[in-house]
């Protein structure tokens, strides 16, 4: 039996080619979180430590200041709240259940 010469990777078929880089922008991953961060504006010093540490790039800033969280991508890990250097914390974590309850109350009052 003759040993077949290996052809190398260049001979592989183009069946599993991934074109373009993957990006989380295409996949909204925030819908499986159990807790969410809530910004407390009166305590915030706009140091942007939350923005630096957020692994999901879910902290929205404008003109060097915190603006909001992008809950479509926030997974609720709590790193932003943990790393906040403000005494008394400018970010607190609340349960999704509590957040949805508060949203319903706010909508019913308008």
PDB file of N, CA and C in Angstrom:
ATOM      1  N   UNK A   1       0.847  -1.169   0.000  1.00  0.00           N
ATOM      2  CA  UNK A   1       0.000   0.000   0.000  1.00  0.00           C
ATOM      3  C   UNK A   1       0.903   1.245   0.000  1.00  0.00           C
ATOM      4  N   UNK A   2       0.688   2.107  -0.932  1.00  0.00           N
ATOM      5  CA  UNK A   2       1.501   3.318  -1.059  1.00  0.00           C
ATOM      6  C   UNK A   2       0.981   4.397  -0.102  1.00  0.00           C
ATOM      7  N   UNK A   3       1.898   5.154   0.480  1.00  0.00           N
ATOM      8  CA  UNK A   3       1.520   6.259   1.369  1.00  0.00           C
ATOM      9  C   UNK A   3       1.202   7.474   0.502  1.00  0.00           C
ATOM     10  N   UNK A   4      -0.025   7.990   0.694  1.00  0.00           N
ATOM     11  CA  UNK A   4      -0.457   9.146  -0.094  1.00  0.00           C
ATOM     12  C   UNK A   4       0.224  10.406   0.428  1.00  0.00           C
ATOM     13  N   UNK A   5       0.713  11.225  -0.465  1.00  0.00           N
ATOM     14  CA  UNK A   5       1.376  12.473  -0.088  1.00  0.00           C
ATOM     15  C   UNK A   5       0.323  13.463   0.416  1.00  0.00           C
ATOM     16  N   UNK A   6       0.590  14.094   1.566  1.00  0.00           N
ATOM     17  CA  UNK A   6      -0.334  15.072   2.138  1.00  0.00           C
ATOM     18  C   UNK A   6      -0.329  16.331   1.292  1.00  0.00           C
ATOM     19  N   UNK A   7      -1.517  16.865   1.055  1.00  0.00           N
ATOM     20  CA  UNK A   7      -1.649  18.035   0.180  1.00  0.00           C
ATOM     21  C   UNK A   7      -1.556  19.364   0.946  1.00  0.00           C
ATOM     22  N   UNK A   8      -1.790  19.353   2.245  1.00  0.00           N
ATOM     23  CA  UNK A   8      -1.703  20.586   3.021  1.00  0.00           C
ATOM     24  C   UNK A   8      -3.037  21.331   3.102  1.00  0.00           C
ATOM     25  N   UNK A   9      -3.057  22.370   3.877  1.00  0.00           N
ATOM     26  CA  UNK A   9      -4.285  23.114   4.137  1.00  0.00           C
ATOM     27  C   UNK A   9      -4.823  23.834   2.914  1.00  0.00           C
ATOM     28  N   UNK A  10      -3.983  24.174   1.962  1.00  0.00           N
ATOM     29  CA  UNK A  10      -4.432  24.905   0.772  1.00  0.00           C
ATOM     30  C   UNK A  10      -5.378  24.083  -0.094  1.00  0.00           C
ATOM     31  N   UNK A  11      -5.385  22.781   0.098  1.00  0.00           N
ATOM     32  CA  UNK A  11      -6.262  21.935  -0.712  1.00  0.00           C
ATOM     33  C   UNK A  11      -7.631  21.707  -0.065  1.00  0.00           C
ATOM     34  N   UNK A  12      -7.844  22.242   1.136  1.00  0.00           N
ATOM     35  CA  UNK A  12      -9.125  22.052   1.806  1.00  0.00           C
ATOM     36  C   UNK A  12     -10.238  22.810   1.075  1.00  0.00           C
ATOM     37  N   UNK A  13     -11.449  22.257   1.067  1.00  0.00           N
ATOM     38  CA  UNK A  13     -12.575  22.951   0.412  1.00  0.00           C
ATOM     39  C   UNK A  13     -12.992  24.177   1.220  1.00  0.00           C
ATOM     40  N   UNK A  14     -13.630  25.129   0.569  1.00  0.00           N
ATOM     41  CA  UNK A  14     -14.047  26.371   1.220  1.00  0.00           C
ATOM     42  C   UNK A  14     -15.420  26.208   1.865  1.00  0.00           C
ATOM     43  N   UNK A  15     -15.627  25.153   2.600  1.00  0.00           N
ATOM     44  CA  UNK A  15     -16.929  24.901   3.220  1.00  0.00           C
ATOM     45  C   UNK A  15     -17.155  25.670   4.503  1.00  0.00           C
ATOM     46  N   UNK A  16     -16.155  25.834   5.311  1.00  0.00           N
ATOM     47  CA  UNK A  16     -16.313  26.479   6.605  1.00  0.00           C
ATOM     48  C   UNK A  16     -15.546  27.783   6.685  1.00  0.00           C
ATOM     49  N   UNK A  17     -15.598  28.556   5.644  1.00  0.00           N
ATOM     50  CA  UNK A  17     -14.900  29.830   5.605  1.00  0.00           C
ATOM     51  C   UNK A  17     -15.726  30.873   6.359  1.00  0.00           C
ATOM     52  N   UNK A  18     -15.079  31.584   7.253  1.00  0.00           N
ATOM     53  CA  UNK A  18     -15.735  32.666   7.984  1.00  0.00           C
ATOM     54  C   UNK A  18     -15.284  33.963   7.336  1.00  0.00           C
ATOM     55  N   UNK A  19     -16.220  34.625   6.693  1.00  0.00           N
ATOM     56  CA  UNK A  19     -15.880  35.879   6.016  1.00  0.00           C
ATOM     57  C   UNK A  19     -16.158  37.041   6.944  1.00  0.00           C
ATOM     58  N   UNK A  20     -15.196  37.910   7.089  1.00  0.00           N
ATOM     59  CA  UNK A  20     -15.338  39.071   7.962  1.00  0.00           C
ATOM     60  C   UNK A  20     -15.203  38.660   9.420  1.00  0.00           C
ATOM     61  N   UNK A  21     -14.832  39.583  10.241  1.00  0.00           N
ATOM     62  CA  UNK A  21     -14.678  39.303  11.656  1.00  0.00           C
ATOM     63  C   UNK A  21     -16.019  39.246  12.359  1.00  0.00           C
ATOM     64  N   UNK A  22     -16.076  38.493  13.403  1.00  0.00           N
ATOM     65  CA  UNK A  22     -17.287  38.428  14.212  1.00  0.00           C
ATOM     66  C   UNK A  22     -17.423  39.679  15.059  1.00  0.00           C
ATOM     67  N   UNK A  23     -18.627  40.068  15.353  1.00  0.00           N
ATOM     68  CA  UNK A  23     -18.846  41.243  16.179  1.00  0.00           C
ATOM     69  C   UNK A  23     -20.085  41.059  17.042  1.00  0.00           C
ATOM     70  N   UNK A  24     -20.017  41.522  18.262  1.00  0.00           N
ATOM     71  CA  UNK A  24     -21.146  41.406  19.176  1.00  0.00           C
ATOM     72  C   UNK A  24     -22.273  42.367  18.798  1.00  0.00           C
ATOM     73  N   UNK A  25     -21.990  43.338  17.944  1.00  0.00           N
ATOM     74  CA  UNK A  25     -23.034  44.283  17.537  1.00  0.00           C
ATOM     75  C   UNK A  25     -24.187  43.590  16.827  1.00  0.00           C
ATOM     76  N   UNK A  26     -23.879  42.459  16.206  1.00  0.00           N
ATOM     77  CA  UNK A  26     -24.909  41.726  15.479  1.00  0.00           C
ATOM     78  C   UNK A  26     -25.790  40.894  16.404  1.00  0.00           C
ATOM     79  N   UNK A  27     -25.361  40.680  17.645  1.00  0.00           N
ATOM     80  CA  UNK A  27     -26.077  39.804  18.566  1.00  0.00           C
ATOM     81  C   UNK A  27     -26.383  40.540  19.863  1.00  0.00           C
ATOM     82  N   UNK A  28     -27.641  40.836  20.088  1.00  0.00           N
ATOM     83  CA  UNK A  28     -28.039  41.488  21.334  1.00  0.00           C
ATOM     84  C   UNK A  28     -28.097  40.419  22.418  1.00  0.00           C
ATOM     85  N   UNK A  29     -27.172  40.523  23.348  1.00  0.00           N
ATOM     86  CA  UNK A  29     -26.985  39.465  24.337  1.00  0.00           C
ATOM     87  C   UNK A  29     -27.483  39.832  25.732  1.00  0.00           C
ATOM     88  N   UNK A  30     -28.075  40.996  25.893  1.00  0.00           N
ATOM     89  CA  UNK A  30     -28.492  41.438  27.219  1.00  0.00           C
ATOM     90  C   UNK A  30     -29.763  40.811  27.739  1.00  0.00           C
ATOM     91  N   UNK A  31     -30.457  40.035  26.922  1.00  0.00           N
ATOM     92  CA  UNK A  31     -31.753  39.520  27.356  1.00  0.00           C
ATOM     93  C   UNK A  31     -31.660  38.334  28.311  1.00  0.00           C
ATOM     94  N   UNK A  32     -30.481  37.837  28.606  1.00  0.00           N
ATOM     95  CA  UNK A  32     -30.366  36.717  29.529  1.00  0.00           C
ATOM     96  C   UNK A  32     -29.808  37.113  30.892  1.00  0.00           C
ATOM     97  N   UNK A  33     -29.670  38.409  31.145  1.00  0.00           N
ATOM     98  CA  UNK A  33     -29.126  38.817  32.439  1.00  0.00           C
ATOM     99  C   UNK A  33     -30.205  38.695  33.527  1.00  0.00           C
ATOM    100  N   UNK A  34     -29.768  38.518  34.776  1.00  0.00           N
ATOM    101  CA  UNK A  34     -30.688  38.440  35.909  1.00  0.00           C
ATOM    102  C   UNK A  34     -30.651  39.718  36.745  1.00  0.00           C
ATOM    103  N   UNK A  35     -29.582  40.498  36.580  1.00  0.00           N
ATOM    104  CA  UNK A  35     -29.474  41.785  37.262  1.00  0.00           C
ATOM    105  C   UNK A  35     -29.026  42.833  36.254  1.00  0.00           C
ATOM    106  N   UNK A  36     -29.345  44.086  36.554  1.00  0.00           N
ATOM    107  CA  UNK A  36     -28.907  45.175  35.676  1.00  0.00           C
ATOM    108  C   UNK A  36     -28.352  46.329  36.505  1.00  0.00           C
ATOM    109  N   UNK A  37     -27.396  47.052  35.939  1.00  0.00           N
ATOM    110  CA  UNK A  37     -26.864  48.222  36.640  1.00  0.00           C
ATOM    111  C   UNK A  37     -27.806  49.415  36.473  1.00  0.00           C
ATOM    112  N   UNK A  38     -27.896  50.204  37.518  1.00  0.00           N
ATOM    113  CA  UNK A  38     -28.696  51.436  37.474  1.00  0.00           C
ATOM    114  C   UNK A  38     -27.781  52.587  37.874  1.00  0.00           C
ATOM    115  N   UNK A  39     -27.775  53.606  37.054  1.00  0.00           N
ATOM    116  CA  UNK A  39     -26.935  54.787  37.284  1.00  0.00           C
ATOM    117  C   UNK A  39     -27.634  55.728  38.257  1.00  0.00           C
ATOM    118  N   UNK A  40     -26.863  56.256  39.217  1.00  0.00           N
ATOM    119  CA  UNK A  40     -27.380  57.239  40.174  1.00  0.00           C
ATOM    120  C   UNK A  40     -26.662  58.550  39.866  1.00  0.00           C
ATOM    121  N   UNK A  41     -27.280  59.386  39.022  1.00  0.00           N
ATOM    122  CA  UNK A  41     -26.602  60.588  38.502  1.00  0.00           C
ATOM    123  C   UNK A  41     -26.078  61.555  39.562  1.00  0.00           C
ATOM    124  N   UNK A  42     -26.807  61.724  40.663  1.00  0.00           N
ATOM    125  CA  UNK A  42     -26.372  62.693  41.670  1.00  0.00           C
ATOM    126  C   UNK A  42     -25.099  62.267  42.394  1.00  0.00           C
ATOM    127  N   UNK A  43     -24.723  60.993  42.305  1.00  0.00           N
ATOM    128  CA  UNK A  43     -23.493  60.506  42.926  1.00  0.00           C
ATOM    129  C   UNK A  43     -22.338  60.387  41.926  1.00  0.00           C
ATOM    130  N   UNK A  44     -22.643  60.379  40.637  1.00  0.00           N
ATOM    131  CA  UNK A  44     -21.641  60.127  39.599  1.00  0.00           C
ATOM    132  C   UNK A  44     -20.667  61.298  39.439  1.00  0.00           C
ATOM    133  N   UNK A  45     -19.371  60.972  39.369  1.00  0.00           N
ATOM    134  CA  UNK A  45     -18.342  62.003  39.164  1.00  0.00           C
ATOM    135  C   UNK A  45     -17.786  61.944  37.735  1.00  0.00           C
ATOM    136  N   UNK A  46     -18.361  61.109  36.897  1.00  0.00           N
ATOM    137  CA  UNK A  46     -17.986  60.963  35.484  1.00  0.00           C
ATOM    138  C   UNK A  46     -16.503  60.624  35.301  1.00  0.00           C
ATOM    139  N   UNK A  47     -16.021  59.730  36.141  1.00  0.00           N
ATOM    140  CA  UNK A  47     -14.633  59.280  36.029  1.00  0.00           C
ATOM    141  C   UNK A  47     -14.469  58.262  34.892  1.00  0.00           C
ATOM    142  N   UNK A  48     -15.589  57.669  34.461  1.00  0.00           N
ATOM    143  CA  UNK A  48     -15.653  56.684  33.378  1.00  0.00           C
ATOM    144  C   UNK A  48     -14.933  55.369  33.686  1.00  0.00           C
ATOM    145  N   UNK A  49     -14.733  55.093  34.970  1.00  0.00           N
ATOM    146  CA  UNK A  49     -14.159  53.808  35.358  1.00  0.00           C
ATOM    147  C   UNK A  49     -15.087  52.676  34.907  1.00  0.00           C
ATOM    148  N   UNK A  50     -16.386  52.896  34.974  1.00  0.00           N
ATOM    149  CA  UNK A  50     -17.356  51.889  34.518  1.00  0.00           C
ATOM    150  C   UNK A  50     -17.163  51.594  33.030  1.00  0.00           C
ATOM    151  N   UNK A  51     -16.923  52.612  32.254  1.00  0.00           N
ATOM    152  CA  UNK A  51     -16.709  52.460  30.808  1.00  0.00           C
ATOM    153  C   UNK A  51     -15.433  51.668  30.527  1.00  0.00           C
ATOM    154  N   UNK A  52     -14.394  51.957  31.297  1.00  0.00           N
ATOM    155  CA  UNK A  52     -13.113  51.271  31.121  1.00  0.00           C
ATOM    156  C   UNK A  52     -13.246  49.774  31.404  1.00  0.00           C
ATOM    157  N   UNK A  53     -13.933  49.431  32.479  1.00  0.00           N
ATOM    158  CA  UNK A  53     -13.993  48.034  32.916  1.00  0.00           C
ATOM    159  C   UNK A  53     -15.107  47.207  32.276  1.00  0.00           C
ATOM    160  N   UNK A  54     -16.085  47.834  31.663  1.00  0.00           N
ATOM    161  CA  UNK A  54     -17.210  47.079  31.095  1.00  0.00           C
ATOM    162  C   UNK A  54     -16.727  46.136  29.988  1.00  0.00           C
ATOM    163  N   UNK A  55     -16.899  44.812  30.161  1.00  0.00           N
ATOM    164  CA  UNK A  55     -16.432  43.869  29.152  1.00  0.00           C
ATOM    165  C   UNK A  55     -17.327  43.812  27.914  1.00  0.00           C
ATOM    166  N   UNK A  56     -18.502  44.420  27.987  1.00  0.00           N
ATOM    167  CA  UNK A  56     -19.459  44.355  26.877  1.00  0.00           C
ATOM    168  C   UNK A  56     -19.615  45.675  26.137  1.00  0.00           C
ATOM    169  N   UNK A  57     -18.837  46.678  26.511  1.00  0.00           N
ATOM    170  CA  UNK A  57     -18.960  48.023  25.924  1.00  0.00           C
ATOM    171  C   UNK A  57     -20.396  48.517  25.991  1.00  0.00           C
ATOM    172  N   UNK A  58     -21.020  48.295  27.136  1.00  0.00           N
ATOM    173  CA  UNK A  58     -22.423  48.657  27.310  1.00  0.00           C
ATOM    174  C   UNK A  58     -22.609  50.014  27.997  1.00  0.00           C
ATOM    175  N   UNK A  59     -21.519  50.689  28.315  1.00  0.00           N
ATOM    176  CA  UNK A  59     -21.601  52.012  28.932  1.00  0.00           C
ATOM    177  C   UNK A  59     -21.514  53.046  27.820  1.00  0.00           C
ATOM    178  N   UNK A  60     -22.528  53.877  27.742  1.00  0.00           N
ATOM    179  CA  UNK A  60     -22.588  54.914  26.703  1.00  0.00           C
ATOM    180  C   UNK A  60     -22.085  56.223  27.300  1.00  0.00           C
ATOM    181  N   UNK A  61     -21.149  56.858  26.601  1.00  0.00           N
ATOM    182  CA  UNK A  61     -20.612  58.142  27.049  1.00  0.00           C
ATOM    183  C   UNK A  61     -20.767  59.180  25.937  1.00  0.00           C
ATOM    184  N   UNK A  62     -20.776  60.417  26.352  1.00  0.00           N
ATOM    185  CA  UNK A  62     -20.817  61.523  25.394  1.00  0.00           C
ATOM    186  C   UNK A  62     -20.112  62.712  26.028  1.00  0.00           C
ATOM    187  N   UNK A  63     -19.228  63.323  25.291  1.00  0.00           N
ATOM    188  CA  UNK A  63     -18.476  64.492  25.767  1.00  0.00           C
ATOM    189  C   UNK A  63     -17.765  64.219  27.095  1.00  0.00           C
ATOM    190  N   UNK A  64     -17.205  63.018  27.236  1.00  0.00           N
ATOM    191  CA  UNK A  64     -16.452  62.679  28.435  1.00  0.00           C
ATOM    192  C   UNK A  64     -17.288  62.431  29.668  1.00  0.00           C
ATOM    193  N   UNK A  65     -18.578  62.170  29.497  1.00  0.00           N
ATOM    194  CA  UNK A  65     -19.458  61.930  30.640  1.00  0.00           C
ATOM    195  C   UNK A  65     -20.312  60.684  30.409  1.00  0.00           C
ATOM    196  N   UNK A  66     -20.672  60.039  31.509  1.00  0.00           N
ATOM    197  CA  UNK A  66     -21.570  58.901  31.450  1.00  0.00           C
ATOM    198  C   UNK A  66     -22.937  59.382  30.974  1.00  0.00           C
ATOM    199  N   UNK A  67     -23.544  58.632  30.040  1.00  0.00           N
ATOM    200  CA  UNK A  67     -24.873  58.986  29.543  1.00  0.00           C
ATOM    201  C   UNK A  67     -25.904  57.926  29.928  1.00  0.00           C
ATOM    202  N   UNK A  68     -25.584  56.661  29.667  1.00  0.00           N
ATOM    203  CA  UNK A  68     -26.544  55.586  29.921  1.00  0.00           C
ATOM    204  C   UNK A  68     -25.883  54.232  29.780  1.00  0.00           C
ATOM    205  N   UNK A  69     -26.654  53.193  30.089  1.00  0.00           N
ATOM    206  CA  UNK A  69     -26.239  51.823  29.809  1.00  0.00           C
ATOM    207  C   UNK A  69     -26.994  51.341  28.578  1.00  0.00           C
ATOM    208  N   UNK A  70     -26.334  50.582  27.739  1.00  0.00           N
ATOM    209  CA  UNK A  70     -26.999  49.952  26.599  1.00  0.00           C
ATOM    210  C   UNK A  70     -27.402  48.557  27.063  1.00  0.00           C
ATOM    211  N   UNK A  71     -28.658  48.429  27.480  1.00  0.00           N
ATOM    212  CA  UNK A  71     -29.137  47.177  28.045  1.00  0.00           C
ATOM    213  C   UNK A  71     -29.296  46.083  26.988  1.00  0.00           C
ATOM    214  N   UNK A  72     -29.221  46.413  25.722  1.00  0.00           N
ATOM    215  CA  UNK A  72     -29.251  45.373  24.683  1.00  0.00           C
ATOM    216  C   UNK A  72     -28.014  44.487  24.768  1.00  0.00           C
ATOM    217  N   UNK A  73     -26.905  45.043  25.259  1.00  0.00           N
ATOM    218  CA  UNK A  73     -25.647  44.305  25.305  1.00  0.00           C
ATOM    219  C   UNK A  73     -25.131  44.038  26.716  1.00  0.00           C
ATOM    220  N   UNK A  74     -25.668  44.732  27.702  1.00  0.00           N
ATOM    221  CA  UNK A  74     -25.240  44.539  29.095  1.00  0.00           C
ATOM    222  C   UNK A  74     -25.685  43.159  29.571  1.00  0.00           C
ATOM    223  N   UNK A  75     -24.730  42.386  30.083  1.00  0.00           N
ATOM    224  CA  UNK A  75     -25.038  41.042  30.563  1.00  0.00           C
ATOM    225  C   UNK A  75     -25.274  41.015  32.074  1.00  0.00           C
ATOM    226  N   UNK A  76     -25.157  42.158  32.734  1.00  0.00           N
ATOM    227  CA  UNK A  76     -25.450  42.228  34.166  1.00  0.00           C
ATOM    228  C   UNK A  76     -24.374  41.642  35.058  1.00  0.00           C
ATOM    229  N   UNK A  77     -23.127  41.693  34.633  1.00  0.00           N
ATOM    230  CA  UNK A  77     -22.034  41.092  35.406  1.00  0.00           C
ATOM    231  C   UNK A  77     -21.736  41.868  36.687  1.00  0.00           C
ATOM    232  N   UNK A  78     -22.030  43.173  36.712  1.00  0.00           N
ATOM    233  CA  UNK A  78     -21.814  43.986  37.903  1.00  0.00           C
ATOM    234  C   UNK A  78     -20.415  44.545  38.063  1.00  0.00           C
ATOM    235  N   UNK A  79     -19.558  44.345  37.070  1.00  0.00           N
ATOM    236  CA  UNK A  79     -18.190  44.867  37.155  1.00  0.00           C
ATOM    237  C   UNK A  79     -18.219  46.390  37.273  1.00  0.00           C
ATOM    238  N   UNK A  80     -19.102  47.042  36.538  1.00  0.00           N
ATOM    239  CA  UNK A  80     -19.185  48.508  36.583  1.00  0.00           C
ATOM    240  C   UNK A  80     -19.487  48.994  38.010  1.00  0.00           C
ATOM    241  N   UNK A  81     -20.435  48.345  38.678  1.00  0.00           N
ATOM    242  CA  UNK A  81     -20.803  48.731  40.039  1.00  0.00           C
ATOM    243  C   UNK A  81     -19.672  48.409  41.018  1.00  0.00           C
ATOM    244  N   UNK A  82     -19.020  47.291  40.812  1.00  0.00           N
ATOM    245  CA  UNK A  82     -17.929  46.880  41.691  1.00  0.00           C
ATOM    246  C   UNK A  82     -16.733  47.827  41.595  1.00  0.00           C
ATOM    247  N   UNK A  83     -16.436  48.287  40.392  1.00  0.00           N
ATOM    248  CA  UNK A  83     -15.264  49.133  40.172  1.00  0.00           C
ATOM    249  C   UNK A  83     -15.524  50.621  40.402  1.00  0.00           C
ATOM    250  N   UNK A  84     -16.762  51.016  40.547  1.00  0.00           N
ATOM    251  CA  UNK A  84     -17.089  52.436  40.767  1.00  0.00           C
ATOM    252  C   UNK A  84     -16.378  52.936  42.025  1.00  0.00           C
ATOM    253  N   UNK A  85     -15.550  53.983  41.896  1.00  0.00           N
ATOM    254  CA  UNK A  85     -14.766  54.460  43.033  1.00  0.00           C
ATOM    255  C   UNK A  85     -15.529  55.411  43.961  1.00  0.00           C
ATOM    256  N   UNK A  86     -16.727  55.783  43.609  1.00  0.00           N
ATOM    257  CA  UNK A  86     -17.489  56.754  44.397  1.00  0.00           C
ATOM    258  C   UNK A  86     -17.954  56.115  45.709  1.00  0.00           C
ATOM    259  N   UNK A  87     -17.735  56.831  46.788  1.00  0.00           N
ATOM    260  CA  UNK A  87     -18.203  56.347  48.090  1.00  0.00           C
ATOM    261  C   UNK A  87     -19.731  56.355  48.063  1.00  0.00           C
ATOM    262  N   UNK A  88     -20.328  55.258  48.367  1.00  0.00           N
ATOM    263  CA  UNK A  88     -21.785  55.149  48.282  1.00  0.00           C
ATOM    264  C   UNK A  88     -22.240  54.664  46.920  1.00  0.00           C
ATOM    265  N   UNK A  89     -21.300  54.557  46.006  1.00  0.00           N
ATOM    266  CA  UNK A  89     -21.501  54.007  44.663  1.00  0.00           C
ATOM    267  C   UNK A  89     -22.514  54.773  43.806  1.00  0.00           C
ATOM    268  N   UNK A  90     -22.104  55.087  42.595  1.00  0.00           N
ATOM    269  CA  UNK A  90     -22.954  55.783  41.626  1.00  0.00           C
ATOM    270  C   UNK A  90     -23.664  54.790  40.703  1.00  0.00           C
ATOM    271  N   UNK A  91     -23.388  53.509  40.889  1.00  0.00           N
ATOM    272  CA  UNK A  91     -24.054  52.451  40.126  1.00  0.00           C
ATOM    273  C   UNK A  91     -24.471  51.378  41.112  1.00  0.00           C
ATOM    274  N   UNK A  92     -25.735  50.991  41.050  1.00  0.00           N
ATOM    275  CA  UNK A  92     -26.185  49.881  41.894  1.00  0.00           C
ATOM    276  C   UNK A  92     -26.810  48.818  40.995  1.00  0.00           C
ATOM    277  N   UNK A  93     -26.730  47.602  41.460  1.00  0.00           N
ATOM    278  CA  UNK A  93     -27.303  46.482  40.715  1.00  0.00           C
ATOM    279  C   UNK A  93     -28.681  46.169  41.293  1.00  0.00           C
ATOM    280  N   UNK A  94     -29.654  46.000  40.400  1.00  0.00           N
ATOM    281  CA  UNK A  94     -30.987  45.592  40.831  1.00  0.00           C
ATOM    282  C   UNK A  94     -31.409  44.377  39.994  1.00  0.00           C
ATOM    283  N   UNK A  95     -32.356  43.624  40.512  1.00  0.00           N
ATOM    284  CA  UNK A  95     -32.812  42.442  39.783  1.00  0.00           C
ATOM    285  C   UNK A  95     -33.616  42.874  38.561  1.00  0.00           C
ATOM    286  N   UNK A  96     -33.601  42.049  37.542  1.00  0.00           N
ATOM    287  CA  UNK A  96     -34.384  42.327  36.330  1.00  0.00           C
ATOM    288  C   UNK A  96     -35.872  42.384  36.672  1.00  0.00           C
ATOM    289  N   UNK A  97     -36.282  41.542  37.606  1.00  0.00           N
ATOM    290  CA  UNK A  97     -37.690  41.515  38.033  1.00  0.00           C
ATOM    291  C   UNK A  97     -38.094  42.880  38.598  1.00  0.00           C
ATOM    292  N   UNK A  98     -37.244  43.437  39.450  1.00  0.00           N
ATOM    293  CA  UNK A  98     -37.495  44.756  40.035  1.00  0.00           C
ATOM    294  C   UNK A  98     -37.488  45.842  38.957  1.00  0.00           C
ATOM    295  N   UNK A  99     -36.548  45.757  38.026  1.00  0.00           N
ATOM    296  CA  UNK A  99     -36.440  46.751  36.954  1.00  0.00           C
ATOM    297  C   UNK A  99     -37.691  46.745  36.079  1.00  0.00           C
ATOM    298  N   UNK A 100     -38.170  45.567  35.716  1.00  0.00           N
ATOM    299  CA  UNK A 100     -39.360  45.464  34.869  1.00  0.00           C
ATOM    300  C   UNK A 100     -40.599  45.960  35.608  1.00  0.00           C
ATOM    301  N   UNK A 101     -40.664  45.697  36.908  1.00  0.00           N
ATOM    302  CA  UNK A 101     -41.769  46.186  37.731  1.00  0.00           C
ATOM    303  C   UNK A 101     -41.771  47.715  37.758  1.00  0.00           C
ATOM    304  N   UNK A 102     -40.580  48.312  37.945  1.00  0.00           N
ATOM    305  CA  UNK A 102     -40.457  49.774  37.966  1.00  0.00           C
ATOM    306  C   UNK A 102     -40.809  50.384  36.616  1.00  0.00           C
ATOM    307  N   UNK A 103     -40.444  49.717  35.518  1.00  0.00           N
ATOM    308  CA  UNK A 103     -40.782  50.210  34.179  1.00  0.00           C
ATOM    309  C   UNK A 103     -42.298  50.247  33.986  1.00  0.00           C
ATOM    310  N   UNK A 104     -42.993  49.226  34.460  1.00  0.00           N
ATOM    311  CA  UNK A 104     -44.452  49.175  34.325  1.00  0.00           C
ATOM    312  C   UNK A 104     -45.108  50.292  35.129  1.00  0.00           C
ATOM    313  N   UNK A 105     -44.584  50.536  36.344  1.00  0.00           N
ATOM    314  CA  UNK A 105     -45.124  51.604  37.192  1.00  0.00           C
ATOM    315  C   UNK A 105     -44.918  52.956  36.519  1.00  0.00           C
ATOM    316  N   UNK A 106     -43.736  53.199  35.969  1.00  0.00           N
ATOM    317  CA  UNK A 106     -43.432  54.471  35.305  1.00  0.00           C
ATOM    318  C   UNK A 106     -44.339  54.676  34.084  1.00  0.00           C
ATOM    319  N   UNK A 107     -44.575  53.632  33.309  1.00  0.00           N
ATOM    320  CA  UNK A 107     -45.436  53.747  32.127  1.00  0.00           C
ATOM    321  C   UNK A 107     -46.879  54.016  32.508  1.00  0.00           C
ATOM    322  N   UNK A 108     -47.339  53.416  33.602  1.00  0.00           N
ATOM    323  CA  UNK A 108     -48.737  53.596  34.001  1.00  0.00           C
ATOM    324  C   UNK A 108     -48.988  54.993  34.572  1.00  0.00           C
ATOM    325  N   UNK A 109     -47.940  55.669  35.032  1.00  0.00           N
ATOM    326  CA  UNK A 109     -48.098  57.008  35.608  1.00  0.00           C
ATOM    327  C   UNK A 109     -48.077  58.109  34.552  1.00  0.00           C
ATOM    328  N   UNK A 110     -47.711  57.771  33.316  1.00  0.00           N
ATOM    329  CA  UNK A 110     -47.644  58.809  32.273  1.00  0.00           C
ATOM    330  C   UNK A 110     -48.910  58.838  31.462  1.00  0.00           C
TER     331      UNK A 110
END
